[in-house]
Amino acid sequence: MKKSLKWIIPTVLLVALIGGATILYNNLSKGYEEKNQMQSSSSTEQARKPAPDFTAIDMSGNKVKLSDFLGKPVVINFWTSWCGYCKEEMPDFEKLSIDYPEVQFMMINPVGEVDKEEDAKAFIEENGYSFDVFYDDLYSATQNYYVTSYPTTVFVDEYGNFVGRANGMINYDTVKSVLAKM
């Protein structure tokens, strides 16, 4: 009997721990998915929420806010110089920025502990990219948009409203289709 109890108590505790962790994970991930769910409905179907404003630094060292671009759609792409998927999607963003001059592309690099500014600058220069690069040195953009992985792309309409987001790599045709719905 003592041998049975020796195994039953730890087993029950382990099952309870796993069950509690599963419930906690499901509740947390449900809240995260609700916050970050890609919205595809038009503003006439559902009221859009204002996109959180943030300040970043352009490549010339000037402070720039998202709200500075009110009046034109904005595509915000969070990337790092060490991210393989970021590197793969960069040529598409270069082509998009040329094909859609009426759209502001904000290529946000989180410099500091996440990436080094000199590595980001070298990557952009080596590849000859001409899109606008911004540095999120205070992580205000990264935190306001709950960016936990790279790449992440956020869409904001010309009125400054959040339209949707894509976590992970995105391609030319996907961005083009979202822009057509904006």
N, C-alpha and C. Protein backbone atom coordinates (compact mmCIF):
# COMPACT_ATOMS: atom_id res chain seq x y z
N MET A 1 0.81 -1.20 0.00
CA MET A 1 0.00 0.00 0.00
C MET A 1 0.86 1.26 0.00
N LYS A 2 1.94 1.24 0.80
CA LYS A 2 2.82 2.41 0.85
C LYS A 2 3.47 2.66 -0.50
N LYS A 3 3.81 1.58 -1.21
CA LYS A 3 4.41 1.75 -2.53
C LYS A 3 3.43 2.40 -3.51
N SER A 4 2.14 2.06 -3.39
CA SER A 4 1.12 2.64 -4.27
C SER A 4 0.98 4.12 -4.00
N LEU A 5 0.91 4.51 -2.74
CA LEU A 5 0.78 5.91 -2.39
C LEU A 5 2.01 6.71 -2.83
N LYS A 6 3.15 6.07 -2.78
CA LYS A 6 4.38 6.73 -3.18
C LYS A 6 4.29 7.20 -4.65
N TRP A 7 3.58 6.49 -5.50
CA TRP A 7 3.43 6.84 -6.91
C TRP A 7 2.16 7.62 -7.20
N ILE A 8 1.11 7.40 -6.45
CA ILE A 8 -0.18 8.05 -6.71
C ILE A 8 -0.11 9.55 -6.44
N ILE A 9 0.46 9.94 -5.32
CA ILE A 9 0.50 11.36 -4.96
C ILE A 9 1.29 12.18 -5.98
N PRO A 10 2.52 11.79 -6.36
CA PRO A 10 3.23 12.56 -7.38
C PRO A 10 2.52 12.58 -8.73
N THR A 11 1.86 11.47 -9.08
CA THR A 11 1.14 11.41 -10.34
C THR A 11 -0.03 12.38 -10.35
N VAL A 12 -0.80 12.42 -9.26
CA VAL A 12 -1.92 13.35 -9.16
C VAL A 12 -1.44 14.79 -9.21
N LEU A 13 -0.36 15.09 -8.51
CA LEU A 13 0.20 16.44 -8.53
C LEU A 13 0.68 16.82 -9.94
N LEU A 14 1.32 15.90 -10.62
CA LEU A 14 1.79 16.16 -11.97
C LEU A 14 0.63 16.42 -12.93
N VAL A 15 -0.42 15.62 -12.84
CA VAL A 15 -1.60 15.80 -13.69
C VAL A 15 -2.25 17.16 -13.41
N ALA A 16 -2.35 17.53 -12.14
CA ALA A 16 -2.95 18.83 -11.77
C ALA A 16 -2.09 19.98 -12.30
N LEU A 17 -0.79 19.86 -12.21
CA LEU A 17 0.12 20.89 -12.71
C LEU A 17 0.00 21.05 -14.22
N ILE A 18 -0.01 19.95 -14.94
CA ILE A 18 -0.14 20.00 -16.39
C ILE A 18 -1.51 20.57 -16.79
N GLY A 19 -2.55 20.17 -16.10
CA GLY A 19 -3.89 20.69 -16.38
C GLY A 19 -3.97 22.19 -16.16
N GLY A 20 -3.41 22.66 -15.06
CA GLY A 20 -3.42 24.10 -14.76
C GLY A 20 -2.61 24.89 -15.78
N ALA A 21 -1.46 24.35 -16.17
CA ALA A 21 -0.63 25.03 -17.17
C ALA A 21 -1.35 25.10 -18.52
N THR A 22 -2.05 24.04 -18.87
CA THR A 22 -2.80 24.01 -20.13
C THR A 22 -3.91 25.05 -20.13
N ILE A 23 -4.65 25.14 -19.05
CA ILE A 23 -5.72 26.12 -18.94
C ILE A 23 -5.16 27.54 -19.01
N LEU A 24 -4.08 27.80 -18.30
CA LEU A 24 -3.44 29.11 -18.32
C LEU A 24 -2.96 29.46 -19.73
N TYR A 25 -2.30 28.52 -20.39
CA TYR A 25 -1.82 28.76 -21.76
C TYR A 25 -2.97 29.07 -22.70
N ASN A 26 -4.05 28.30 -22.64
CA ASN A 26 -5.19 28.53 -23.52
C ASN A 26 -5.82 29.90 -23.29
N ASN A 27 -5.93 30.33 -22.04
CA ASN A 27 -6.50 31.64 -21.73
C ASN A 27 -5.60 32.77 -22.22
N LEU A 28 -4.30 32.64 -22.01
CA LEU A 28 -3.36 33.68 -22.46
C LEU A 28 -3.29 33.74 -23.97
N SER A 29 -3.22 32.60 -24.64
CA SER A 29 -3.12 32.63 -26.10
C SER A 29 -4.42 33.12 -26.74
N LYS A 30 -5.57 32.84 -26.11
CA LYS A 30 -6.85 33.33 -26.65
C LYS A 30 -6.86 34.86 -26.61
N GLY A 31 -6.41 35.46 -25.51
CA GLY A 31 -6.36 36.92 -25.40
C GLY A 31 -5.39 37.51 -26.39
N TYR A 32 -4.25 36.86 -26.59
CA TYR A 32 -3.26 37.35 -27.55
C TYR A 32 -3.82 37.29 -28.97
N GLU A 33 -4.46 36.18 -29.32
CA GLU A 33 -5.01 36.04 -30.66
C GLU A 33 -6.10 37.07 -30.92
N GLU A 34 -6.92 37.37 -29.91
CA GLU A 34 -7.97 38.37 -30.08
C GLU A 34 -7.36 39.74 -30.33
N LYS A 35 -6.25 40.07 -29.65
CA LYS A 35 -5.60 41.37 -29.83
C LYS A 35 -4.96 41.47 -31.20
N ASN A 36 -4.42 40.34 -31.69
CA ASN A 36 -3.59 40.38 -32.89
C ASN A 36 -4.24 39.76 -34.12
N GLN A 37 -5.50 39.46 -34.04
CA GLN A 37 -6.19 38.82 -35.15
C GLN A 37 -6.23 39.75 -36.36
N MET A 38 -5.92 39.21 -37.54
CA MET A 38 -5.96 39.99 -38.77
C MET A 38 -7.40 40.30 -39.08
N GLN A 39 -7.72 41.59 -39.19
CA GLN A 39 -9.08 42.01 -39.49
C GLN A 39 -9.17 42.28 -40.98
N SER A 40 -10.20 41.69 -41.62
CA SER A 40 -10.33 41.92 -43.05
C SER A 40 -11.63 42.62 -43.40
N SER A 41 -12.41 43.00 -42.41
CA SER A 41 -13.68 43.66 -42.72
C SER A 41 -13.44 45.13 -43.01
N SER A 42 -14.31 45.71 -43.82
CA SER A 42 -14.16 47.12 -44.17
C SER A 42 -14.67 47.99 -43.03
N SER A 43 -14.32 49.26 -43.08
CA SER A 43 -14.71 50.16 -41.99
C SER A 43 -16.22 50.37 -41.95
N THR A 44 -16.91 50.11 -43.06
CA THR A 44 -18.36 50.25 -43.04
C THR A 44 -19.00 49.07 -42.31
N GLU A 45 -18.33 47.91 -42.31
CA GLU A 45 -18.87 46.74 -41.63
C GLU A 45 -18.59 46.78 -40.13
N GLN A 46 -17.44 47.29 -39.77
CA GLN A 46 -17.02 47.27 -38.37
C GLN A 46 -16.13 48.48 -38.11
N ALA A 47 -16.36 49.17 -37.01
CA ALA A 47 -15.55 50.34 -36.69
C ALA A 47 -14.12 49.90 -36.41
N ARG A 48 -13.18 50.59 -37.01
CA ARG A 48 -11.77 50.28 -36.78
C ARG A 48 -11.27 51.05 -35.60
N LYS A 49 -10.25 50.51 -34.96
CA LYS A 49 -9.67 51.14 -33.77
C LYS A 49 -8.44 51.94 -34.18
N PRO A 50 -8.22 53.06 -33.52
CA PRO A 50 -7.02 53.85 -33.83
C PRO A 50 -5.75 53.03 -33.57
N ALA A 51 -4.82 53.13 -34.48
CA ALA A 51 -3.54 52.45 -34.33
C ALA A 51 -2.72 53.17 -33.26
N PRO A 52 -2.06 52.44 -32.38
CA PRO A 52 -1.22 53.10 -31.37
C PRO A 52 -0.11 53.91 -32.04
N ASP A 53 0.06 55.14 -31.59
CA ASP A 53 1.11 55.99 -32.13
C ASP A 53 2.44 55.61 -31.48
N PHE A 54 3.51 55.91 -32.13
CA PHE A 54 4.84 55.65 -31.59
C PHE A 54 5.83 56.60 -32.24
N THR A 55 6.99 56.71 -31.65
CA THR A 55 8.07 57.52 -32.20
C THR A 55 9.24 56.62 -32.52
N ALA A 56 9.82 56.80 -33.71
CA ALA A 56 11.01 56.07 -34.13
C ALA A 56 12.00 57.09 -34.69
N ILE A 57 13.18 56.62 -35.00
CA ILE A 57 14.25 57.48 -35.52
C ILE A 57 14.52 57.09 -36.97
N ASP A 58 14.50 58.07 -37.89
CA ASP A 58 14.81 57.74 -39.29
C ASP A 58 16.32 57.62 -39.46
N MET A 59 16.75 57.26 -40.65
CA MET A 59 18.18 57.00 -40.88
C MET A 59 19.03 58.26 -40.79
N SER A 60 18.38 59.43 -40.80
CA SER A 60 19.12 60.70 -40.63
C SER A 60 19.17 61.14 -39.18
N GLY A 61 18.53 60.37 -38.28
CA GLY A 61 18.55 60.71 -36.86
C GLY A 61 17.37 61.56 -36.40
N ASN A 62 16.39 61.78 -37.28
CA ASN A 62 15.22 62.59 -36.92
C ASN A 62 14.14 61.73 -36.27
N LYS A 63 13.44 62.30 -35.28
CA LYS A 63 12.32 61.61 -34.66
C LYS A 63 11.11 61.69 -35.59
N VAL A 64 10.45 60.55 -35.77
CA VAL A 64 9.29 60.46 -36.64
C VAL A 64 8.20 59.69 -35.91
N LYS A 65 6.97 60.19 -36.00
CA LYS A 65 5.83 59.52 -35.39
C LYS A 65 4.98 58.85 -36.46
N LEU A 66 4.30 57.79 -36.10
CA LEU A 66 3.35 57.17 -37.02
C LEU A 66 2.31 58.20 -37.45
N SER A 67 1.85 59.01 -36.51
CA SER A 67 0.81 60.01 -36.80
C SER A 67 1.27 61.07 -37.81
N ASP A 68 2.58 61.18 -38.06
CA ASP A 68 3.08 62.10 -39.08
C ASP A 68 2.59 61.70 -40.48
N PHE A 69 2.15 60.46 -40.63
CA PHE A 69 1.75 59.96 -41.94
C PHE A 69 0.23 59.87 -42.11
N LEU A 70 -0.52 60.56 -41.24
CA LEU A 70 -1.97 60.59 -41.43
C LEU A 70 -2.28 61.11 -42.82
N GLY A 71 -3.25 60.50 -43.47
CA GLY A 71 -3.61 60.90 -44.83
C GLY A 71 -3.14 59.92 -45.88
N LYS A 72 -2.27 58.97 -45.47
CA LYS A 72 -1.85 57.94 -46.40
C LYS A 72 -1.76 56.60 -45.67
N PRO A 73 -2.05 55.50 -46.37
CA PRO A 73 -1.93 54.19 -45.71
C PRO A 73 -0.48 53.93 -45.31
N VAL A 74 -0.32 53.18 -44.24
CA VAL A 74 1.02 52.86 -43.74
C VAL A 74 1.13 51.35 -43.56
N VAL A 75 2.24 50.80 -44.03
CA VAL A 75 2.57 49.40 -43.80
C VAL A 75 3.81 49.42 -42.92
N ILE A 76 3.68 48.85 -41.72
CA ILE A 76 4.79 48.82 -40.76
C ILE A 76 5.34 47.40 -40.74
N ASN A 77 6.62 47.26 -41.04
CA ASN A 77 7.24 45.94 -41.02
C ASN A 77 8.34 45.94 -39.96
N PHE A 78 8.23 45.05 -39.00
CA PHE A 78 9.24 44.88 -37.96
C PHE A 78 10.21 43.79 -38.40
N TRP A 79 11.49 44.13 -38.45
CA TRP A 79 12.50 43.21 -38.96
C TRP A 79 13.80 43.34 -38.18
N THR A 80 14.67 42.36 -38.32
CA THR A 80 16.01 42.43 -37.74
C THR A 80 17.01 41.97 -38.79
N SER A 81 18.26 42.35 -38.61
CA SER A 81 19.29 41.99 -39.59
C SER A 81 19.69 40.52 -39.49
N TRP A 82 19.38 39.86 -38.38
CA TRP A 82 19.76 38.46 -38.20
C TRP A 82 18.62 37.48 -38.52
N CYS A 83 17.46 37.98 -38.90
CA CYS A 83 16.27 37.16 -39.14
C CYS A 83 16.24 36.68 -40.59
N GLY A 84 16.31 35.37 -40.79
CA GLY A 84 16.29 34.79 -42.12
C GLY A 84 15.03 35.10 -42.90
N TYR A 85 13.86 34.98 -42.26
CA TYR A 85 12.59 35.27 -42.94
C TYR A 85 12.47 36.76 -43.29
N CYS A 86 13.01 37.62 -42.42
CA CYS A 86 13.01 39.06 -42.72
C CYS A 86 13.80 39.32 -44.00
N LYS A 87 14.96 38.69 -44.09
CA LYS A 87 15.82 38.86 -45.26
C LYS A 87 15.12 38.37 -46.53
N GLU A 88 14.36 37.28 -46.41
CA GLU A 88 13.67 36.73 -47.57
C GLU A 88 12.57 37.64 -48.09
N GLU A 89 11.88 38.35 -47.18
CA GLU A 89 10.76 39.18 -47.62
C GLU A 89 11.18 40.60 -48.02
N MET A 90 12.40 41.00 -47.71
CA MET A 90 12.86 42.36 -48.01
C MET A 90 12.77 42.73 -49.49
N PRO A 91 13.14 41.86 -50.43
CA PRO A 91 13.00 42.25 -51.84
C PRO A 91 11.55 42.57 -52.22
N ASP A 92 10.59 41.86 -51.64
CA ASP A 92 9.18 42.16 -51.91
C ASP A 92 8.81 43.54 -51.38
N PHE A 93 9.30 43.89 -50.19
CA PHE A 93 9.01 45.22 -49.64
C PHE A 93 9.67 46.31 -50.47
N GLU A 94 10.84 46.03 -50.99
CA GLU A 94 11.50 47.01 -51.87
C GLU A 94 10.63 47.26 -53.10
N LYS A 95 10.17 46.18 -53.73
CA LYS A 95 9.32 46.31 -54.92
C LYS A 95 8.00 46.99 -54.58
N LEU A 96 7.40 46.64 -53.45
CA LEU A 96 6.14 47.27 -53.02
C LEU A 96 6.32 48.77 -52.82
N SER A 97 7.43 49.16 -52.20
CA SER A 97 7.64 50.59 -51.93
C SER A 97 7.80 51.37 -53.23
N ILE A 98 8.28 50.73 -54.26
CA ILE A 98 8.41 51.38 -55.57
C ILE A 98 7.06 51.38 -56.30
N ASP A 99 6.36 50.26 -56.24
CA ASP A 99 5.08 50.12 -56.96
C ASP A 99 3.93 50.90 -56.30
N TYR A 100 4.05 51.19 -55.01
CA TYR A 100 2.99 51.88 -54.27
C TYR A 100 3.55 53.13 -53.58
N PRO A 101 3.91 54.17 -54.33
CA PRO A 101 4.49 55.37 -53.72
C PRO A 101 3.49 56.13 -52.84
N GLU A 102 2.19 55.87 -53.01
CA GLU A 102 1.17 56.52 -52.19
C GLU A 102 1.04 55.89 -50.80
N VAL A 103 1.75 54.79 -50.58
CA VAL A 103 1.73 54.10 -49.30
C VAL A 103 3.05 54.36 -48.59
N GLN A 104 2.99 54.65 -47.30
CA GLN A 104 4.20 54.83 -46.51
C GLN A 104 4.62 53.46 -45.95
N PHE A 105 5.79 53.01 -46.33
CA PHE A 105 6.33 51.78 -45.77
C PHE A 105 7.31 52.17 -44.66
N MET A 106 7.04 51.70 -43.46
CA MET A 106 7.91 51.96 -42.31
C MET A 106 8.60 50.65 -41.95
N MET A 107 9.83 50.50 -42.33
CA MET A 107 10.60 49.30 -42.03
C MET A 107 11.28 49.56 -40.68
N ILE A 108 10.69 48.98 -39.63
CA ILE A 108 11.11 49.27 -38.25
C ILE A 108 12.11 48.22 -37.77
N ASN A 109 13.28 48.69 -37.37
CA ASN A 109 14.31 47.82 -36.81
C ASN A 109 14.47 48.16 -35.33
N PRO A 110 14.30 47.16 -34.45
CA PRO A 110 14.43 47.41 -33.01
C PRO A 110 15.89 47.37 -32.56
N VAL A 111 16.55 48.52 -32.58
CA VAL A 111 17.96 48.56 -32.24
C VAL A 111 18.15 48.59 -30.73
N GLY A 112 19.29 48.12 -30.30
CA GLY A 112 19.59 48.05 -28.87
C GLY A 112 19.92 46.62 -28.52
N GLU A 113 19.14 46.03 -27.65
CA GLU A 113 19.38 44.64 -27.24
C GLU A 113 18.94 43.64 -28.30
N VAL A 114 17.97 43.99 -29.14
CA VAL A 114 17.44 43.05 -30.13
C VAL A 114 18.32 43.00 -31.37
N ASP A 115 18.79 44.13 -31.84
CA ASP A 115 19.62 44.22 -33.04
C ASP A 115 20.58 45.39 -32.87
N LYS A 116 21.66 45.35 -33.61
CA LYS A 116 22.62 46.45 -33.56
C LYS A 116 22.40 47.36 -34.75
N GLU A 117 22.39 48.68 -34.50
CA GLU A 117 22.14 49.66 -35.56
C GLU A 117 23.15 49.51 -36.69
N GLU A 118 24.41 49.30 -36.37
CA GLU A 118 25.42 49.18 -37.42
C GLU A 118 25.18 47.94 -38.29
N ASP A 119 24.67 46.86 -37.70
CA ASP A 119 24.35 45.66 -38.48
C ASP A 119 23.16 45.92 -39.40
N ALA A 120 22.16 46.62 -38.88
CA ALA A 120 20.97 46.94 -39.68
C ALA A 120 21.36 47.85 -40.85
N LYS A 121 22.14 48.89 -40.57
CA LYS A 121 22.57 49.82 -41.63
C LYS A 121 23.39 49.09 -42.69
N ALA A 122 24.31 48.24 -42.25
CA ALA A 122 25.15 47.50 -43.20
C ALA A 122 24.29 46.59 -44.08
N PHE A 123 23.29 45.93 -43.50
CA PHE A 123 22.41 45.06 -44.27
C PHE A 123 21.65 45.84 -45.34
N ILE A 124 21.11 46.99 -44.96
CA ILE A 124 20.36 47.82 -45.92
C ILE A 124 21.28 48.30 -47.05
N GLU A 125 22.46 48.78 -46.68
CA GLU A 125 23.40 49.29 -47.69
C GLU A 125 23.90 48.19 -48.62
N GLU A 126 24.25 47.02 -48.05
CA GLU A 126 24.75 45.90 -48.86
C GLU A 126 23.74 45.46 -49.91
N ASN A 127 22.47 45.56 -49.59
CA ASN A 127 21.42 45.10 -50.50
C ASN A 127 20.83 46.22 -51.35
N GLY A 128 21.25 47.45 -51.11
CA GLY A 128 20.81 48.57 -51.91
C GLY A 128 19.33 48.91 -51.79
N TYR A 129 18.75 48.64 -50.61
CA TYR A 129 17.33 48.94 -50.42
C TYR A 129 17.11 50.44 -50.30
N SER A 130 16.00 50.90 -50.88
CA SER A 130 15.70 52.34 -50.88
C SER A 130 14.49 52.69 -50.03
N PHE A 131 13.79 51.70 -49.47
CA PHE A 131 12.62 52.01 -48.64
C PHE A 131 13.05 52.71 -47.36
N ASP A 132 12.08 53.33 -46.69
CA ASP A 132 12.37 54.08 -45.47
C ASP A 132 12.59 53.14 -44.29
N VAL A 133 13.75 53.27 -43.67
CA VAL A 133 14.10 52.47 -42.50
C VAL A 133 14.04 53.36 -41.27
N PHE A 134 13.47 52.83 -40.20
CA PHE A 134 13.35 53.55 -38.93
C PHE A 134 13.87 52.65 -37.82
N TYR A 135 14.44 53.29 -36.80
CA TYR A 135 14.99 52.56 -35.67
C TYR A 135 14.11 52.78 -34.45
N ASP A 136 13.72 51.68 -33.83
CA ASP A 136 12.89 51.71 -32.63
C ASP A 136 13.80 51.56 -31.41
N ASP A 137 14.53 52.63 -31.11
CA ASP A 137 15.53 52.57 -30.05
C ASP A 137 14.93 52.52 -28.64
N LEU A 138 13.71 52.97 -28.49
CA LEU A 138 13.04 52.92 -27.18
C LEU A 138 12.00 51.80 -27.11
N TYR A 139 11.88 51.04 -28.19
CA TYR A 139 10.93 49.92 -28.30
C TYR A 139 9.47 50.35 -28.13
N SER A 140 9.17 51.60 -28.43
CA SER A 140 7.78 52.05 -28.29
C SER A 140 6.89 51.41 -29.36
N ALA A 141 7.37 51.29 -30.58
CA ALA A 141 6.58 50.63 -31.63
C ALA A 141 6.46 49.14 -31.34
N THR A 142 7.57 48.53 -31.00
CA THR A 142 7.59 47.09 -30.73
C THR A 142 6.63 46.74 -29.59
N GLN A 143 6.64 47.52 -28.53
CA GLN A 143 5.75 47.26 -27.39
C GLN A 143 4.30 47.60 -27.72
N ASN A 144 4.05 48.72 -28.40
CA ASN A 144 2.67 49.12 -28.72
C ASN A 144 1.97 48.10 -29.61
N TYR A 145 2.73 47.37 -30.41
CA TYR A 145 2.15 46.39 -31.33
C TYR A 145 2.41 44.95 -30.89
N TYR A 146 2.85 44.77 -29.66
CA TYR A 146 3.04 43.44 -29.09
C TYR A 146 3.86 42.54 -30.00
N VAL A 147 4.95 43.07 -30.55
CA VAL A 147 5.79 42.29 -31.44
C VAL A 147 6.67 41.37 -30.60
N THR A 148 6.48 40.07 -30.82
CA THR A 148 7.25 39.07 -30.07
C THR A 148 8.07 38.20 -31.00
N SER A 149 7.89 38.36 -32.31
CA SER A 149 8.67 37.60 -33.27
C SER A 149 8.86 38.43 -34.54
N TYR A 150 9.88 38.06 -35.28
CA TYR A 150 10.20 38.79 -36.50
C TYR A 150 10.18 37.83 -37.67
N PRO A 151 9.68 38.28 -38.80
CA PRO A 151 9.07 39.57 -39.09
C PRO A 151 7.61 39.63 -38.64
N THR A 152 7.13 40.83 -38.43
CA THR A 152 5.72 41.11 -38.16
C THR A 152 5.35 42.34 -39.00
N THR A 153 4.19 42.28 -39.64
CA THR A 153 3.75 43.39 -40.49
C THR A 153 2.39 43.88 -40.01
N VAL A 154 2.25 45.21 -39.89
CA VAL A 154 1.02 45.84 -39.41
C VAL A 154 0.52 46.79 -40.50
N PHE A 155 -0.80 46.83 -40.67
CA PHE A 155 -1.42 47.70 -41.67
C PHE A 155 -2.26 48.76 -40.98
N VAL A 156 -2.06 50.02 -41.38
CA VAL A 156 -2.78 51.16 -40.82
C VAL A 156 -3.38 51.94 -42.00
N ASP A 157 -4.67 52.27 -41.91
CA ASP A 157 -5.29 53.00 -43.02
C ASP A 157 -4.94 54.48 -42.97
N GLU A 158 -5.38 55.22 -43.99
CA GLU A 158 -5.03 56.64 -44.10
C GLU A 158 -5.59 57.50 -42.99
N TYR A 159 -6.55 56.96 -42.23
CA TYR A 159 -7.15 57.69 -41.11
C TYR A 159 -6.45 57.38 -39.78
N GLY A 160 -5.42 56.56 -39.84
CA GLY A 160 -4.69 56.21 -38.64
C GLY A 160 -5.31 55.06 -37.86
N ASN A 161 -6.14 54.26 -38.52
CA ASN A 161 -6.78 53.13 -37.87
C ASN A 161 -6.08 51.82 -38.17
N PHE A 162 -6.00 50.98 -37.17
CA PHE A 162 -5.43 49.64 -37.31
C PHE A 162 -6.32 48.82 -38.24
N VAL A 163 -5.73 48.23 -39.26
CA VAL A 163 -6.49 47.41 -40.20
C VAL A 163 -6.22 45.93 -39.96
N GLY A 164 -4.97 45.57 -39.69
CA GLY A 164 -4.64 44.17 -39.46
C GLY A 164 -3.15 43.96 -39.32
N ARG A 165 -2.78 42.69 -39.14
CA ARG A 165 -1.37 42.36 -38.98
C ARG A 165 -1.12 40.96 -39.48
N ALA A 166 0.12 40.71 -39.79
CA ALA A 166 0.56 39.38 -40.17
C ALA A 166 1.80 39.06 -39.35
N ASN A 167 1.74 37.97 -38.60
CA ASN A 167 2.90 37.51 -37.85
C ASN A 167 3.64 36.49 -38.71
N GLY A 168 4.91 36.73 -38.95
CA GLY A 168 5.67 35.85 -39.82
C GLY A 168 5.88 36.46 -41.18
N MET A 169 6.54 35.70 -42.03
CA MET A 169 6.89 36.19 -43.36
C MET A 169 5.64 36.44 -44.20
N ILE A 170 5.70 37.49 -45.00
CA ILE A 170 4.59 37.88 -45.86
C ILE A 170 5.19 38.16 -47.24
N ASN A 171 4.38 38.03 -48.31
CA ASN A 171 4.92 38.24 -49.64
C ASN A 171 4.22 39.39 -50.37
N TYR A 172 4.72 39.69 -51.54
CA TYR A 172 4.24 40.81 -52.35
C TYR A 172 2.73 40.72 -52.57
N ASP A 173 2.26 39.57 -53.02
CA ASP A 173 0.84 39.43 -53.37
C ASP A 173 -0.07 39.59 -52.16
N THR A 174 0.35 39.13 -51.00
CA THR A 174 -0.45 39.27 -49.79
C THR A 174 -0.59 40.74 -49.39
N VAL A 175 0.53 41.45 -49.40
CA VAL A 175 0.49 42.88 -49.07
C VAL A 175 -0.36 43.62 -50.10
N LYS A 176 -0.19 43.30 -51.36
CA LYS A 176 -0.96 43.92 -52.43
C LYS A 176 -2.47 43.72 -52.21
N SER A 177 -2.87 42.52 -51.81
CA SER A 177 -4.29 42.25 -51.60
C SER A 177 -4.84 43.02 -50.39
N VAL A 178 -4.05 43.16 -49.34
CA VAL A 178 -4.49 43.95 -48.18
C VAL A 178 -4.61 45.41 -48.56
N LEU A 179 -3.63 45.93 -49.30
CA LEU A 179 -3.68 47.32 -49.73
C LEU A 179 -4.90 47.59 -50.61
N ALA A 180 -5.29 46.64 -51.44
CA ALA A 180 -6.48 46.80 -52.29
C ALA A 180 -7.74 46.90 -51.47
N LYS A 181 -7.78 46.27 -50.30
CA LYS A 181 -8.97 46.31 -49.44
C LYS A 181 -8.98 47.54 -48.55
N MET A 182 -7.86 48.21 -48.41
CA MET A 182 -7.78 49.39 -47.56
C MET A 182 -8.35 50.57 -48.32
